[in-house]
C-alpha atoms as a PDB file:
ATOM      1  CA  MET A   1      27.550 -32.211  19.705  1.00  0.00           C
ATOM      2  CA  GLN A   2      23.939 -32.753  20.865  1.00  0.00           C
ATOM      3  CA  THR A   3      23.711 -29.087  21.935  1.00  0.00           C
ATOM      4  CA  ARG A   4      24.855 -27.864  18.511  1.00  0.00           C
ATOM      5  CA  ILE A   5      22.234 -29.966  16.751  1.00  0.00           C
ATOM      6  CA  GLU A   6      19.507 -28.667  19.059  1.00  0.00           C
ATOM      7  CA  LEU A   7      20.684 -25.092  18.522  1.00  0.00           C
ATOM      8  CA  LEU A   8      20.731 -25.573  14.736  1.00  0.00           C
ATOM      9  CA  LEU A   9      17.221 -27.051  14.772  1.00  0.00           C
ATOM     10  CA  GLY A  10      15.993 -24.171  16.942  1.00  0.00           C
ATOM     11  CA  VAL A  11      17.434 -21.593  14.554  1.00  0.00           C
ATOM     12  CA  LEU A  12      15.921 -23.376  11.545  1.00  0.00           C
ATOM     13  CA  ILE A  13      12.497 -23.497  13.185  1.00  0.00           C
ATOM     14  CA  VAL A  14      12.600 -19.801  14.120  1.00  0.00           C
ATOM     15  CA  ALA A  15      13.795 -18.844  10.611  1.00  0.00           C
ATOM     16  CA  GLY A  16      11.054 -20.949   9.043  1.00  0.00           C
ATOM     17  CA  LEU A  17       8.377 -19.349  11.202  1.00  0.00           C
ATOM     18  CA  LEU A  18       9.652 -15.845  10.421  1.00  0.00           C
ATOM     19  CA  GLY A  19       9.702 -16.639   6.703  1.00  0.00           C
ATOM     20  CA  TRP A  20       6.148 -17.979   6.854  1.00  0.00           C
ATOM     21  CA  TRP A  21       4.968 -14.892   8.777  1.00  0.00           C
ATOM     22  CA  TRP A  22       6.717 -12.560   6.296  1.00  0.00           C
ATOM     23  CA  SER A  23       5.169 -14.253   3.264  1.00  0.00           C
ATOM     24  CA  ARG A  24       1.697 -14.119   4.831  1.00  0.00           C
ATOM     25  CA  ARG A  25       2.007 -10.341   5.325  1.00  0.00           C
ATOM     26  CA  ASN A  26       3.437  -9.635   1.877  1.00  0.00           C
ATOM     27  CA  GLY A  27       1.008  -7.775  -0.387  1.00  0.00           C
ATOM     28  CA  ARG A  28      -1.967  -7.870   2.001  1.00  0.00           C
ATOM     29  CA  PHE A  29      -4.334  -4.911   2.124  1.00  0.00           C
ATOM     30  CA  THR A  30      -4.513  -3.028   5.404  1.00  0.00           C
ATOM     31  CA  ALA A  31      -6.737  -0.059   6.074  1.00  0.00           C
ATOM     32  CA  VAL A  32      -4.964   3.223   6.765  1.00  0.00           C
ATOM     33  CA  SER A  33      -4.579   3.561  10.523  1.00  0.00           C
ATOM     34  CA  ASP A  34      -5.855   6.617  12.379  1.00  0.00           C
ATOM     35  CA  ARG A  35      -2.269   7.521  13.339  1.00  0.00           C
ATOM     36  CA  VAL A  36      -1.088   7.566   9.735  1.00  0.00           C
ATOM     37  CA  ALA A  37      -4.181   9.502   8.687  1.00  0.00           C
ATOM     38  CA  ALA A  38      -3.526  12.159  11.322  1.00  0.00           C
ATOM     39  CA  VAL A  39       0.212  12.422  10.643  1.00  0.00           C
ATOM     40  CA  ALA A  40      -0.378  12.628   6.872  1.00  0.00           C
ATOM     41  CA  HIS A  41      -1.945  16.057   7.456  1.00  0.00           C
ATOM     42  CA  GLU A  42       0.567  17.272  10.027  1.00  0.00           C
ATOM     43  CA  THR A  43       2.736  20.284   9.216  1.00  0.00           C
ATOM     44  CA  ASP A  44       5.433  22.033  11.189  1.00  0.00           C
ATOM     45  CA  ASP A  45       3.092  25.001  11.813  1.00  0.00           C
ATOM     46  CA  SER A  46      -0.023  23.137  12.862  1.00  0.00           C
ATOM     47  CA  PRO A  47      -0.716  20.548  15.528  1.00  0.00           C
ATOM     48  CA  VAL A  48      -1.714  17.034  14.578  1.00  0.00           C
ATOM     49  CA  PRO A  49      -5.462  17.023  13.874  1.00  0.00           C
ATOM     50  CA  THR A  50      -7.690  14.458  15.477  1.00  0.00           C
ATOM     51  CA  ALA A  51      -7.962  11.234  13.530  1.00  0.00           C
ATOM     52  CA  SER A  52     -11.752  11.413  13.363  1.00  0.00           C
ATOM     53  CA  THR A  53     -11.644  14.682  11.362  1.00  0.00           C
ATOM     54  CA  VAL A  54      -8.919  13.658   8.910  1.00  0.00           C
ATOM     55  CA  LYS A  55      -9.163  11.878   5.580  1.00  0.00           C
ATOM     56  CA  PRO A  56      -5.751  11.543   3.937  1.00  0.00           C
ATOM     57  CA  GLN A  57      -6.169  12.442   0.291  1.00  0.00           C
ATOM     58  CA  LEU A  58      -4.004  12.727  -2.785  1.00  0.00           C
ATOM     59  CA  SER A  59      -4.834  15.389  -5.330  1.00  0.00           C
ATOM     60  CA  PRO A  60      -4.691  14.919  -9.112  1.00  0.00           C
ATOM     61  CA  GLN A  61      -1.660  17.245  -9.083  1.00  0.00           C
ATOM     62  CA  GLU A  62       0.200  14.901  -6.713  1.00  0.00           C
ATOM     63  CA  LEU A  63      -0.781  11.861  -8.783  1.00  0.00           C
ATOM     64  CA  GLY A  64      -0.161  13.364 -12.194  1.00  0.00           C
ATOM     65  CA  VAL A  65      -3.494  11.929 -13.410  1.00  0.00           C
ATOM     66  CA  GLU A  66      -7.160  12.118 -12.496  1.00  0.00           C
ATOM     67  CA  PRO A  67      -8.196   9.487  -9.915  1.00  0.00           C
ATOM     68  CA  GLY A  68     -10.211   6.553 -11.195  1.00  0.00           C
ATOM     69  CA  ALA A  69     -14.000   6.699 -11.016  1.00  0.00           C
ATOM     70  CA  ARG A  70     -13.953   3.584  -8.782  1.00  0.00           C
ATOM     71  CA  ALA A  71     -10.424   3.338  -7.399  1.00  0.00           C
ATOM     72  CA  THR A  72      -6.796   4.270  -7.944  1.00  0.00           C
ATOM     73  CA  PHE A  73      -3.712   2.178  -7.172  1.00  0.00           C
ATOM     74  CA  VAL A  74      -0.764   4.466  -6.388  1.00  0.00           C
ATOM     75  CA  GLN A  75       2.354   2.305  -6.509  1.00  0.00           C
ATOM     76  CA  LEU A  76       5.469   3.749  -4.879  1.00  0.00           C
ATOM     77  CA  SER A  77       8.419   1.908  -6.425  1.00  0.00           C
ATOM     78  CA  SER A  78      12.154   2.083  -6.803  1.00  0.00           C
ATOM     79  CA  GLU A  79      14.176   1.491  -9.940  1.00  0.00           C
ATOM     80  CA  VAL A  80      16.029  -1.605  -8.711  1.00  0.00           C
ATOM     81  CA  CYS A  81      13.047  -3.398  -7.182  1.00  0.00           C
ATOM     82  CA  ALA A  82      12.089  -6.721  -8.799  1.00  0.00           C
ATOM     83  CA  PRO A  83       8.797  -7.102  -6.847  1.00  0.00           C
ATOM     84  CA  CYS A  84       7.892  -3.594  -8.049  1.00  0.00           C
ATOM     85  CA  ARG A  85       7.965  -4.738 -11.673  1.00  0.00           C
ATOM     86  CA  ARG A  86       5.756  -7.764 -10.919  1.00  0.00           C
ATOM     87  CA  THR A  87       3.342  -5.602  -8.928  1.00  0.00           C
ATOM     88  CA  ALA A  88       3.148  -3.072 -11.769  1.00  0.00           C
ATOM     89  CA  VAL A  89       2.191  -5.842 -14.210  1.00  0.00           C
ATOM     90  CA  VAL A  90      -0.552  -7.135 -11.880  1.00  0.00           C
ATOM     91  CA  LEU A  91      -2.024  -3.695 -11.144  1.00  0.00           C
ATOM     92  CA  SER A  92      -1.848  -2.551 -14.781  1.00  0.00           C
ATOM     93  CA  ALA A  93      -3.717  -5.690 -15.845  1.00  0.00           C
ATOM     94  CA  ILE A  94      -6.421  -5.084 -13.245  1.00  0.00           C
ATOM     95  CA  ALA A  95      -6.742  -1.440 -14.329  1.00  0.00           C
ATOM     96  CA  ALA A  96      -7.065  -2.562 -17.960  1.00  0.00           C
ATOM     97  CA  ASP A  97      -9.694  -5.212 -17.126  1.00  0.00           C
ATOM     98  CA  HIS A  98     -11.832  -3.121 -14.753  1.00  0.00           C
ATOM     99  CA  PRO A  99     -13.324   0.182 -15.968  1.00  0.00           C
ATOM    100  CA  GLY A 100     -12.892   3.085 -13.541  1.00  0.00           C
ATOM    101  CA  ILE A 101      -9.690   1.730 -11.998  1.00  0.00           C
ATOM    102  CA  VAL A 102      -6.432   3.603 -12.537  1.00  0.00           C
ATOM    103  CA  HIS A 103      -2.876   2.471 -11.796  1.00  0.00           C
ATOM    104  CA  VAL A 104      -0.168   5.097 -11.222  1.00  0.00           C
ATOM    105  CA  GLU A 105       3.455   4.165 -10.558  1.00  0.00           C
ATOM    106  CA  LEU A 106       5.593   6.789  -8.797  1.00  0.00           C
ATOM    107  CA  ASP A 107       9.332   6.625  -8.148  1.00  0.00           C
ATOM    108  CA  VAL A 108      10.113   7.003  -4.430  1.00  0.00           C
ATOM    109  CA  GLU A 109      13.239   9.046  -5.189  1.00  0.00           C
ATOM    110  CA  GLN A 110      11.176  11.649  -7.008  1.00  0.00           C
ATOM    111  CA  HIS A 111       8.307  11.667  -4.495  1.00  0.00           C
ATOM    112  CA  LEU A 112      10.051  11.799  -1.115  1.00  0.00           C
ATOM    113  CA  GLU A 113       7.285  13.994   0.324  1.00  0.00           C
ATOM    114  CA  LEU A 114       4.753  11.195  -0.223  1.00  0.00           C
ATOM    115  CA  VAL A 115       7.194   8.633   1.200  1.00  0.00           C
ATOM    116  CA  ARG A 116       7.507  10.665   4.409  1.00  0.00           C
ATOM    117  CA  ARG A 117       3.828  11.574   4.537  1.00  0.00           C
ATOM    118  CA  PHE A 118       2.649   7.958   4.340  1.00  0.00           C
ATOM    119  CA  HIS A 119       5.574   6.339   6.216  1.00  0.00           C
ATOM    120  CA  VAL A 120       6.665   4.161   3.305  1.00  0.00           C
ATOM    121  CA  LEU A 121       9.362   1.812   4.586  1.00  0.00           C
ATOM    122  CA  ARG A 122       9.711  -0.583   1.657  1.00  0.00           C
ATOM    123  CA  THR A 123       8.963  -0.900  -2.008  1.00  0.00           C
ATOM    124  CA  PRO A 124       6.624  -1.580  -3.526  1.00  0.00           C
ATOM    125  CA  THR A 125       4.037   0.106  -1.363  1.00  0.00           C
ATOM    126  CA  VAL A 126       0.641   0.566  -2.980  1.00  0.00           C
ATOM    127  CA  LEU A 127      -1.811   3.147  -1.663  1.00  0.00           C
ATOM    128  CA  VAL A 128      -5.406   2.304  -2.530  1.00  0.00           C
ATOM    129  CA  LEU A 129      -7.497   5.405  -3.139  1.00  0.00           C
ATOM    130  CA  GLY A 130     -11.235   5.783  -3.343  1.00  0.00           C
ATOM    131  CA  PRO A 131     -12.874   7.768  -6.168  1.00  0.00           C
ATOM    132  CA  ASP A 132     -12.422  11.074  -4.327  1.00  0.00           C
ATOM    133  CA  GLY A 133      -8.683  10.509  -3.768  1.00  0.00           C
ATOM    134  CA  THR A 134      -9.090   9.388  -0.150  1.00  0.00           C
ATOM    135  CA  VAL A 135      -6.400   6.926   0.860  1.00  0.00           C
ATOM    136  CA  CYS A 136      -8.364   3.928   2.111  1.00  0.00           C
ATOM    137  CA  GLY A 137      -5.555   1.453   2.614  1.00  0.00           C
ATOM    138  CA  ARG A 138      -2.195   0.154   1.543  1.00  0.00           C
ATOM    139  CA  MET A 139      -0.327  -2.949   0.522  1.00  0.00           C
ATOM    140  CA  SER A 140       3.402  -3.461   1.045  1.00  0.00           C
ATOM    141  CA  GLY A 141       5.545  -5.958  -0.792  1.00  0.00           C
ATOM    142  CA  ALA A 142       4.741  -7.939  -3.919  1.00  0.00           C
ATOM    143  CA  VAL A 143       1.024  -7.731  -4.641  1.00  0.00           C
ATOM    144  CA  SER A 144      -0.829 -10.687  -6.120  1.00  0.00           C
ATOM    145  CA  HIS A 145      -3.927 -10.450  -8.293  1.00  0.00           C
ATOM    146  CA  HIS A 146      -5.959 -11.933  -5.428  1.00  0.00           C
ATOM    147  CA  HIS A 147      -4.777  -9.312  -2.906  1.00  0.00           C
ATOM    148  CA  ALA A 148      -5.392  -6.431  -5.311  1.00  0.00           C
ATOM    149  CA  ILE A 149      -8.973  -7.568  -6.024  1.00  0.00           C
ATOM    150  CA  ALA A 150      -9.569  -8.025  -2.274  1.00  0.00           C
ATOM    151  CA  SER A 151      -8.406  -4.437  -1.689  1.00  0.00           C
ATOM    152  CA  LEU A 152     -10.947  -3.200  -4.233  1.00  0.00           C
ATOM    153  CA  GLU A 153     -13.699  -5.102  -2.443  1.00  0.00           C
ATOM    154  CA  SER A 154     -12.688  -3.381   0.813  1.00  0.00           C
ATOM    155  CA  LEU A 155     -13.268   0.077  -0.658  1.00  0.00           C
ATOM    156  CA  GLY A 156     -16.958  -0.093   0.209  1.00  0.00           C
ATOM    157  CA  GLN A 157     -15.941   0.327   3.861  1.00  0.00           C
ATOM    158  CA  CYS A 158     -13.893   3.463   3.117  1.00  0.00           C
ATOM    159  CA  PRO A 159     -15.444   6.949   3.285  1.00  0.00           C
ATOM    160  CA  GLY A 160     -15.934   7.974  -0.323  1.00  0.00           C
ATOM    161  CA  GLY A 161     -15.158   4.439  -1.482  1.00  0.00           C
ATOM    162  CA  ALA A 162     -17.087   2.476  -4.069  1.00  0.00           C
ATOM    163  CA  ARG A 163     -17.348  -1.273  -4.098  1.00  0.00           C
ATOM    164  CA  ALA A 164     -15.620  -2.816  -7.098  1.00  0.00           C
ATOM    165  CA  SER A 165     -17.345  -5.433  -9.216  1.00  0.00           C
END
């Protein structure tokens, strides 16, 4: 009986720690890694370019709109995703309140090329673009207002990025 109680407590502690870790990661901005930047430009005919020469970009044709003068949030969502709806509300509100910021929501089923290109593993995933369409970073999971504003402040460190105010 004592062993079962200890095992149950151990499982509860591990589950609690994993839940805490997961919630801490959810919606946080991370800069695009060199590996993702290089693979985003890889084709079957060409070798992977060096990370230092690559800037992953999205064109207005891929987005369906012109990028924002300061930043663009490209939200990759699925139809049955509840956090996607909450994230869309947050990002739309930020785009409405901050001039030069655009929010674009794309369905993953209709944009599988982008999903593969940027290694999207869950929805929502938000790509944060600088004014020239350069992908500066990403956020996965439900995005809070705080995390979205922090991602805009990080754009000043991105090539072609502009600091949001």
